[in-house]
């Protein structure tokens, strides 16, 4: 299993095939991922631990452990850690392509747009 460090935390790929990819993602307190969308995959997020602020197509909500969110192909989305401990969530991707180059960043705290 490969692990990748990012400026907002890290992720580990748990499983992948031609049909899906599953990641465990840790977001450091006070950090957030880029506001982004994908053209070739949808995502399902299951919050394992922590307090998260989710933005989905401009609508902001707060989720905690045991809660989920579905992100369709083309949906703008972001997750932010609003607590004092890591946000941990499982991301299940489905679609036709799962490469990191299928990320269109609309806004990014780390200059990656």
Protein backbone atom coordinates (compact mmCIF):
# COMPACT_ATOMS: atom_id res chain seq x y z
CA UNK A 1 0.00 0.00 0.00
CA UNK A 2 1.42 3.33 -1.01
CA UNK A 3 1.25 6.43 1.14
CA UNK A 4 1.51 9.98 -0.18
CA UNK A 5 2.22 13.11 1.85
CA UNK A 6 0.44 16.33 0.88
CA UNK A 7 0.58 19.88 2.32
CA UNK A 8 -2.84 19.26 3.96
CA UNK A 9 -2.05 15.79 5.37
CA UNK A 10 -1.64 12.41 3.73
CA UNK A 11 -3.44 9.53 2.07
CA UNK A 12 -2.96 5.81 1.65
CA UNK A 13 -4.34 3.75 -1.23
CA UNK A 14 -6.10 0.74 0.30
CA UNK A 15 -7.31 -0.91 -2.90
CA UNK A 16 -7.49 -0.19 -6.60
CA UNK A 17 -8.65 -1.82 -9.82
CA UNK A 18 -9.87 -0.75 -13.26
CA UNK A 19 -13.32 -0.15 -11.69
CA UNK A 20 -12.54 1.63 -8.42
CA UNK A 21 -9.99 3.06 -5.98
CA UNK A 22 -10.24 3.22 -2.18
CA UNK A 23 -8.16 5.64 -0.11
CA UNK A 24 -7.83 6.45 3.58
CA UNK A 25 -7.23 10.19 3.90
CA UNK A 26 -5.96 12.15 6.93
CA UNK A 27 -6.46 15.95 6.99
CA UNK A 28 -4.38 17.91 9.52
CA UNK A 29 -6.20 20.35 11.87
CA UNK A 30 -6.76 23.72 10.20
CA UNK A 31 -6.03 22.42 6.69
CA UNK A 32 -8.27 21.80 3.70
CA UNK A 33 -8.02 20.17 0.31
CA UNK A 34 -8.41 22.20 -2.86
CA UNK A 35 -11.89 23.11 -4.11
CA UNK A 36 -11.95 20.73 -7.06
CA UNK A 37 -13.90 18.55 -9.45
CA UNK A 38 -13.32 15.43 -11.52
CA UNK A 39 -14.50 14.59 -15.04
CA UNK A 40 -14.03 10.82 -14.92
CA UNK A 41 -14.95 9.71 -11.42
CA UNK A 42 -17.43 10.08 -8.60
CA UNK A 43 -16.54 9.76 -4.92
CA UNK A 44 -18.18 8.57 -1.72
CA UNK A 45 -16.70 9.83 1.56
CA UNK A 46 -17.22 8.10 4.90
CA UNK A 47 -15.98 10.16 7.87
CA UNK A 48 -14.17 7.88 10.34
CA UNK A 49 -12.98 10.49 12.87
CA UNK A 50 -12.80 14.23 13.41
CA UNK A 51 -14.88 17.28 12.54
CA UNK A 52 -15.10 18.18 8.86
CA UNK A 53 -16.55 21.08 6.93
CA UNK A 54 -17.68 19.92 3.49
CA UNK A 55 -18.35 22.24 0.57
CA UNK A 56 -20.32 20.57 -2.24
CA UNK A 57 -21.32 22.76 -5.19
CA UNK A 58 -21.23 25.84 -2.95
CA UNK A 59 -23.31 24.30 -0.12
CA UNK A 60 -21.43 24.07 3.19
CA UNK A 61 -22.19 21.44 5.83
CA UNK A 62 -20.43 19.94 8.83
CA UNK A 63 -19.94 16.20 9.23
CA UNK A 64 -18.52 13.96 11.92
CA UNK A 65 -17.72 10.30 12.45
CA UNK A 66 -20.18 7.92 10.81
CA UNK A 67 -21.54 10.46 8.33
CA UNK A 68 -21.16 10.31 4.56
CA UNK A 69 -21.30 12.46 1.46
CA UNK A 70 -21.68 11.51 -2.22
CA UNK A 71 -19.86 13.54 -4.86
CA UNK A 72 -20.98 13.13 -8.45
CA UNK A 73 -18.85 13.49 -11.58
CA UNK A 74 -18.28 17.21 -12.16
CA UNK A 75 -19.41 18.26 -8.66
CA UNK A 76 -17.26 20.94 -7.01
CA UNK A 77 -16.11 19.69 -3.61
CA UNK A 78 -13.75 20.29 -0.71
CA UNK A 79 -13.16 18.97 2.80
CA UNK A 80 -11.69 21.04 5.63
CA UNK A 81 -10.60 19.99 9.12
CA UNK A 82 -12.34 22.29 11.62
CA UNK A 83 -11.36 20.34 14.74
CA UNK A 84 -8.24 19.86 16.83
CA UNK A 85 -7.58 16.24 15.77
CA UNK A 86 -7.02 14.77 12.31
CA UNK A 87 -10.06 14.26 10.12
CA UNK A 88 -9.88 10.70 8.84
CA UNK A 89 -12.12 9.55 6.01
CA UNK A 90 -12.45 6.72 3.53
CA UNK A 91 -12.84 7.77 -0.09
CA UNK A 92 -14.32 5.30 -2.58
CA UNK A 93 -13.84 6.37 -6.18
CA UNK A 94 -15.81 4.87 -9.06
CA UNK A 95 -15.74 5.75 -12.73
CA UNK A 96 -13.51 5.29 -15.76
CA UNK A 97 -10.22 6.82 -14.58
CA UNK A 98 -8.61 7.43 -11.17
CA UNK A 99 -5.36 9.29 -11.90
CA UNK A 100 -4.37 12.37 -9.91
CA UNK A 101 -4.37 14.34 -13.20
CA UNK A 102 -8.20 14.15 -13.21
CA UNK A 103 -8.22 16.90 -10.57
CA UNK A 104 -9.36 20.33 -11.76
CA UNK A 105 -8.49 22.70 -8.92
CA UNK A 106 -10.71 25.79 -8.73
CA UNK A 107 -9.16 27.19 -5.53
CA UNK A 108 -6.14 25.94 -3.57
CA UNK A 109 -4.40 27.12 -0.38
CA UNK A 110 -1.07 25.79 -1.65
CA UNK A 111 -0.82 27.44 -5.09
CA UNK A 112 -1.65 24.30 -7.10
CA UNK A 113 -4.39 25.77 -9.34
